[in-house]
Amino acid sequence: MSDDKEDPNKTELSLKEKLKSEIEEADWSMLEPHFSRQAIVQVSSDLDLPTVSEKVAMDDVDSIKKWMTEGKVVRPTEEQVNTWKENPYKKAFQFIIVQPYVLIQEKLELKQ
């Protein structure tokens, strides 16, 4: 019976670790098709992307609403997207797909 109590904790840890291992990098040109289908969600650089992706996967509405209210988890604005489009290969992002969303986080600019 004690194994049953430990399994949820192990599941949470394994979910976060699994999500962390699925984070990849891309430039805007690779992410733009997801924006076209309104699936892009931008995560502030001061948040931990694996933590946010775990909360989304677990449908933790309270955490997500809090971050949205604080402006830390948002849909990118047209102005931001236009800036990224100007140099689609120079802006790098970390991203992870948590269906139906693609969570992105800006990285430093790529060097030429």
N, C-alpha and C. Protein backbone atom coordinates (compact mmCIF):
# COMPACT_ATOMS: atom_id res chain seq x y z
N MET A 1 0.81 -1.21 0.00
CA MET A 1 0.00 0.00 0.00
C MET A 1 0.85 1.27 0.00
N SER A 2 1.99 1.25 0.67
CA SER A 2 2.81 2.45 0.70
C SER A 2 3.35 2.78 -0.69
N ASP A 3 3.49 1.78 -1.56
CA ASP A 3 3.93 2.04 -2.93
C ASP A 3 2.91 2.90 -3.67
N ASP A 4 1.62 2.69 -3.38
CA ASP A 4 0.58 3.48 -4.03
C ASP A 4 0.71 4.95 -3.67
N LYS A 5 1.09 5.22 -2.43
CA LYS A 5 1.23 6.61 -2.00
C LYS A 5 2.46 7.26 -2.63
N GLU A 6 3.49 6.47 -2.90
CA GLU A 6 4.70 7.03 -3.49
C GLU A 6 4.56 7.25 -4.99
N ASP A 7 3.74 6.47 -5.65
CA ASP A 7 3.61 6.56 -7.10
C ASP A 7 3.21 7.96 -7.60
N PRO A 8 2.23 8.65 -6.99
CA PRO A 8 1.89 9.99 -7.49
C PRO A 8 3.08 10.94 -7.47
N ASN A 9 3.90 10.90 -6.43
CA ASN A 9 5.07 11.77 -6.36
C ASN A 9 6.07 11.42 -7.45
N LYS A 10 6.28 10.15 -7.66
CA LYS A 10 7.19 9.71 -8.70
C LYS A 10 6.65 10.10 -10.07
N THR A 11 5.34 10.02 -10.24
CA THR A 11 4.73 10.39 -11.51
C THR A 11 4.95 11.87 -11.78
N GLU A 12 4.75 12.73 -10.77
CA GLU A 12 4.97 14.16 -10.94
C GLU A 12 6.41 14.44 -11.31
N LEU A 13 7.33 13.83 -10.60
CA LEU A 13 8.74 14.04 -10.89
C LEU A 13 9.06 13.55 -12.29
N SER A 14 8.57 12.39 -12.64
CA SER A 14 8.87 11.85 -13.96
C SER A 14 8.22 12.70 -15.06
N LEU A 15 7.06 13.27 -14.79
CA LEU A 15 6.42 14.13 -15.78
C LEU A 15 7.28 15.36 -16.03
N LYS A 16 7.72 16.01 -14.96
CA LYS A 16 8.55 17.21 -15.12
C LYS A 16 9.87 16.87 -15.81
N GLU A 17 10.48 15.77 -15.41
CA GLU A 17 11.73 15.35 -16.04
C GLU A 17 11.51 15.01 -17.51
N LYS A 18 10.40 14.35 -17.80
CA LYS A 18 10.08 14.00 -19.19
C LYS A 18 9.91 15.27 -20.01
N LEU A 19 9.14 16.23 -19.49
CA LEU A 19 8.93 17.49 -20.19
C LEU A 19 10.24 18.24 -20.37
N LYS A 20 11.05 18.26 -19.34
CA LYS A 20 12.35 18.94 -19.43
C LYS A 20 13.20 18.35 -20.55
N SER A 21 13.15 17.05 -20.71
CA SER A 21 13.94 16.40 -21.75
C SER A 21 13.39 16.67 -23.15
N GLU A 22 12.15 17.14 -23.25
CA GLU A 22 11.52 17.41 -24.55
C GLU A 22 11.70 18.85 -25.01
N ILE A 23 12.31 19.69 -24.21
CA ILE A 23 12.52 21.09 -24.60
C ILE A 23 13.59 21.14 -25.68
N GLU A 24 13.26 21.87 -26.74
CA GLU A 24 14.18 22.01 -27.86
C GLU A 24 14.36 23.49 -28.18
N GLU A 25 15.24 23.76 -29.14
CA GLU A 25 15.48 25.13 -29.57
C GLU A 25 15.07 25.28 -31.02
N ALA A 26 14.62 26.48 -31.35
CA ALA A 26 14.23 26.77 -32.73
C ALA A 26 14.32 28.27 -32.97
N ASP A 27 14.40 28.64 -34.23
CA ASP A 27 14.29 30.05 -34.57
C ASP A 27 12.83 30.33 -34.91
N TRP A 28 12.49 31.60 -35.10
CA TRP A 28 11.09 31.97 -35.31
C TRP A 28 10.51 31.31 -36.56
N SER A 29 11.30 31.17 -37.59
CA SER A 29 10.77 30.60 -38.84
C SER A 29 10.20 29.20 -38.63
N MET A 30 10.75 28.46 -37.67
CA MET A 30 10.24 27.12 -37.39
C MET A 30 8.97 27.15 -36.53
N LEU A 31 8.81 28.22 -35.77
CA LEU A 31 7.67 28.31 -34.85
C LEU A 31 6.47 29.03 -35.46
N GLU A 32 6.71 29.80 -36.50
CA GLU A 32 5.65 30.62 -37.09
C GLU A 32 4.40 29.84 -37.50
N PRO A 33 4.52 28.63 -38.05
CA PRO A 33 3.29 27.89 -38.39
C PRO A 33 2.39 27.64 -37.17
N HIS A 34 3.00 27.48 -36.00
CA HIS A 34 2.21 27.28 -34.78
C HIS A 34 1.49 28.57 -34.38
N PHE A 35 2.14 29.71 -34.65
CA PHE A 35 1.50 30.99 -34.39
C PHE A 35 0.28 31.15 -35.30
N SER A 36 0.42 30.73 -36.53
CA SER A 36 -0.68 30.84 -37.49
C SER A 36 -1.92 30.09 -37.03
N ARG A 37 -1.73 29.01 -36.30
CA ARG A 37 -2.88 28.26 -35.79
C ARG A 37 -3.21 28.63 -34.34
N GLN A 38 -2.64 29.77 -33.89
CA GLN A 38 -2.91 30.34 -32.56
C GLN A 38 -2.55 29.41 -31.41
N ALA A 39 -1.45 28.69 -31.56
CA ALA A 39 -1.04 27.74 -30.53
C ALA A 39 0.14 28.23 -29.70
N ILE A 40 0.76 29.34 -30.09
CA ILE A 40 1.96 29.83 -29.38
C ILE A 40 1.57 30.54 -28.09
N VAL A 41 2.27 30.16 -27.01
CA VAL A 41 2.13 30.82 -25.72
C VAL A 41 3.54 31.18 -25.27
N GLN A 42 3.75 32.46 -25.01
CA GLN A 42 5.07 32.94 -24.61
C GLN A 42 5.21 32.91 -23.10
N VAL A 43 6.33 32.36 -22.64
CA VAL A 43 6.63 32.23 -21.21
C VAL A 43 7.76 33.20 -20.89
N SER A 44 7.57 34.02 -19.87
CA SER A 44 8.58 34.98 -19.44
C SER A 44 9.88 34.27 -19.11
N SER A 45 10.99 34.97 -19.37
CA SER A 45 12.31 34.38 -19.12
C SER A 45 12.60 34.19 -17.63
N ASP A 46 11.82 34.84 -16.77
CA ASP A 46 12.07 34.64 -15.34
C ASP A 46 11.30 33.45 -14.77
N LEU A 47 10.56 32.74 -15.62
CA LEU A 47 9.89 31.51 -15.19
C LEU A 47 10.67 30.30 -15.73
N ASP A 48 10.55 29.20 -15.03
CA ASP A 48 11.18 27.95 -15.43
C ASP A 48 10.27 27.24 -16.43
N LEU A 49 10.74 27.08 -17.66
CA LEU A 49 9.92 26.49 -18.72
C LEU A 49 9.43 25.08 -18.37
N PRO A 50 10.27 24.21 -17.81
CA PRO A 50 9.76 22.88 -17.43
C PRO A 50 8.63 22.95 -16.38
N THR A 51 8.73 23.87 -15.45
CA THR A 51 7.69 24.02 -14.43
C THR A 51 6.38 24.49 -15.06
N VAL A 52 6.46 25.49 -15.95
CA VAL A 52 5.26 25.99 -16.61
C VAL A 52 4.64 24.89 -17.46
N SER A 53 5.46 24.16 -18.20
CA SER A 53 4.92 23.10 -19.06
C SER A 53 4.26 22.00 -18.23
N GLU A 54 4.82 21.72 -17.07
CA GLU A 54 4.21 20.73 -16.18
C GLU A 54 2.84 21.22 -15.69
N LYS A 55 2.75 22.49 -15.31
CA LYS A 55 1.47 23.04 -14.84
C LYS A 55 0.42 23.03 -15.95
N VAL A 56 0.85 23.31 -17.18
CA VAL A 56 -0.08 23.26 -18.32
C VAL A 56 -0.53 21.82 -18.55
N ALA A 57 0.41 20.89 -18.53
CA ALA A 57 0.08 19.48 -18.75
C ALA A 57 -0.87 18.95 -17.68
N MET A 58 -0.73 19.45 -16.45
CA MET A 58 -1.56 19.01 -15.35
C MET A 58 -2.83 19.85 -15.21
N ASP A 59 -3.02 20.81 -16.12
CA ASP A 59 -4.18 21.70 -16.11
C ASP A 59 -4.33 22.42 -14.77
N ASP A 60 -3.20 22.94 -14.27
CA ASP A 60 -3.19 23.69 -13.02
C ASP A 60 -3.66 25.12 -13.30
N VAL A 61 -4.97 25.30 -13.35
CA VAL A 61 -5.59 26.56 -13.74
C VAL A 61 -5.16 27.71 -12.84
N ASP A 62 -5.04 27.48 -11.54
CA ASP A 62 -4.69 28.56 -10.61
C ASP A 62 -3.31 29.14 -10.92
N SER A 63 -2.32 28.27 -11.12
CA SER A 63 -0.97 28.74 -11.43
C SER A 63 -0.94 29.47 -12.76
N ILE A 64 -1.60 28.92 -13.75
CA ILE A 64 -1.60 29.51 -15.09
C ILE A 64 -2.29 30.88 -15.07
N LYS A 65 -3.44 30.97 -14.39
CA LYS A 65 -4.15 32.26 -14.29
C LYS A 65 -3.28 33.30 -13.59
N LYS A 66 -2.58 32.90 -12.53
CA LYS A 66 -1.71 33.82 -11.80
C LYS A 66 -0.63 34.37 -12.73
N TRP A 67 0.03 33.48 -13.49
CA TRP A 67 1.08 33.92 -14.41
C TRP A 67 0.51 34.79 -15.52
N MET A 68 -0.68 34.47 -15.99
CA MET A 68 -1.31 35.28 -17.04
C MET A 68 -1.63 36.68 -16.51
N THR A 69 -2.16 36.75 -15.30
CA THR A 69 -2.48 38.03 -14.68
C THR A 69 -1.22 38.87 -14.51
N GLU A 70 -0.10 38.22 -14.18
CA GLU A 70 1.17 38.91 -14.00
C GLU A 70 1.84 39.24 -15.33
N GLY A 71 1.28 38.76 -16.44
CA GLY A 71 1.87 39.00 -17.75
C GLY A 71 3.07 38.13 -18.04
N LYS A 72 3.20 37.02 -17.33
CA LYS A 72 4.36 36.13 -17.50
C LYS A 72 4.08 34.95 -18.43
N VAL A 73 2.83 34.69 -18.69
CA VAL A 73 2.41 33.67 -19.66
C VAL A 73 1.35 34.33 -20.52
N VAL A 74 1.72 34.62 -21.78
CA VAL A 74 0.85 35.41 -22.66
C VAL A 74 0.91 34.91 -24.10
N ARG A 75 -0.06 35.33 -24.86
CA ARG A 75 0.01 35.14 -26.31
C ARG A 75 0.89 36.27 -26.84
N PRO A 76 1.79 35.98 -27.75
CA PRO A 76 2.63 37.06 -28.29
C PRO A 76 1.78 38.08 -29.05
N THR A 77 2.18 39.33 -28.97
CA THR A 77 1.46 40.38 -29.68
C THR A 77 1.90 40.39 -31.15
N GLU A 78 1.08 41.01 -31.98
CA GLU A 78 1.44 41.15 -33.41
C GLU A 78 2.75 41.92 -33.55
N GLU A 79 2.95 42.91 -32.69
CA GLU A 79 4.18 43.70 -32.73
C GLU A 79 5.40 42.82 -32.47
N GLN A 80 5.32 41.96 -31.45
CA GLN A 80 6.43 41.04 -31.16
C GLN A 80 6.68 40.12 -32.35
N VAL A 81 5.62 39.57 -32.88
CA VAL A 81 5.74 38.63 -34.00
C VAL A 81 6.36 39.32 -35.20
N ASN A 82 5.96 40.56 -35.47
CA ASN A 82 6.54 41.28 -36.60
C ASN A 82 8.04 41.51 -36.40
N THR A 83 8.43 41.79 -35.18
CA THR A 83 9.86 41.94 -34.87
C THR A 83 10.60 40.64 -35.11
N TRP A 84 10.02 39.53 -34.67
CA TRP A 84 10.65 38.23 -34.88
C TRP A 84 10.72 37.88 -36.36
N LYS A 85 9.70 38.29 -37.12
CA LYS A 85 9.68 38.00 -38.56
C LYS A 85 10.77 38.76 -39.31
N GLU A 86 11.12 39.95 -38.80
CA GLU A 86 12.14 40.76 -39.47
C GLU A 86 13.47 40.01 -39.56
N ASN A 87 13.79 39.26 -38.54
CA ASN A 87 15.03 38.47 -38.50
C ASN A 87 14.71 37.07 -38.01
N PRO A 88 13.99 36.29 -38.81
CA PRO A 88 13.49 35.00 -38.34
C PRO A 88 14.56 33.99 -37.97
N TYR A 89 15.79 34.19 -38.47
CA TYR A 89 16.84 33.22 -38.18
C TYR A 89 17.81 33.70 -37.11
N LYS A 90 17.56 34.89 -36.58
CA LYS A 90 18.48 35.45 -35.58
C LYS A 90 17.92 35.39 -34.17
N LYS A 91 16.65 35.07 -34.01
CA LYS A 91 16.05 35.01 -32.68
C LYS A 91 15.80 33.56 -32.32
N ALA A 92 16.42 33.11 -31.26
CA ALA A 92 16.27 31.72 -30.84
C ALA A 92 15.30 31.62 -29.68
N PHE A 93 14.61 30.51 -29.65
CA PHE A 93 13.65 30.22 -28.60
C PHE A 93 13.88 28.81 -28.08
N GLN A 94 13.57 28.64 -26.81
CA GLN A 94 13.37 27.29 -26.28
C GLN A 94 11.88 27.04 -26.46
N PHE A 95 11.52 25.81 -26.76
CA PHE A 95 10.10 25.52 -26.89
C PHE A 95 9.81 24.09 -26.48
N ILE A 96 8.55 23.89 -26.13
CA ILE A 96 8.05 22.55 -25.84
C ILE A 96 6.58 22.51 -26.26
N ILE A 97 6.20 21.40 -26.80
CA ILE A 97 4.81 21.21 -27.20
C ILE A 97 4.08 20.49 -26.08
N VAL A 98 3.05 21.14 -25.56
CA VAL A 98 2.14 20.55 -24.58
C VAL A 98 0.76 20.75 -25.22
N GLN A 99 0.31 19.73 -25.90
CA GLN A 99 -0.90 19.84 -26.72
C GLN A 99 -2.03 20.52 -25.97
N PRO A 100 -2.69 21.47 -26.58
CA PRO A 100 -2.58 21.92 -27.96
C PRO A 100 -1.64 23.12 -28.13
N TYR A 101 -0.84 23.41 -27.12
CA TYR A 101 -0.01 24.61 -27.11
C TYR A 101 1.45 24.33 -27.44
N VAL A 102 2.11 25.37 -27.91
CA VAL A 102 3.56 25.37 -28.06
C VAL A 102 4.05 26.49 -27.15
N LEU A 103 4.69 26.10 -26.05
CA LEU A 103 5.19 27.08 -25.09
C LEU A 103 6.58 27.51 -25.55
N ILE A 104 6.79 28.81 -25.67
CA ILE A 104 8.08 29.32 -26.12
C ILE A 104 8.67 30.26 -25.09
N GLN A 105 9.99 30.33 -25.09
CA GLN A 105 10.70 31.24 -24.22
C GLN A 105 11.89 31.79 -25.01
N GLU A 106 12.00 33.12 -25.06
CA GLU A 106 13.08 33.74 -25.83
C GLU A 106 14.43 33.42 -25.22
N LYS A 107 15.39 33.26 -26.12
CA LYS A 107 16.80 33.10 -25.72
C LYS A 107 17.57 34.30 -26.25
N LEU A 108 18.85 34.35 -25.97
CA LEU A 108 19.69 35.41 -26.51
C LEU A 108 19.73 35.30 -28.02
N GLU A 109 20.02 36.41 -28.67
CA GLU A 109 20.08 36.40 -30.13
C GLU A 109 21.20 35.49 -30.61
N LEU A 110 20.94 34.85 -31.73
CA LEU A 110 21.94 34.00 -32.35
C LEU A 110 23.02 34.87 -32.99
N LYS A 111 24.22 34.35 -33.00
CA LYS A 111 25.30 35.07 -33.67
C LYS A 111 25.32 34.70 -35.12
N GLN A 112 25.74 35.64 -35.96
CA GLN A 112 25.80 35.37 -37.39
C GLN A 112 27.02 34.54 -37.72
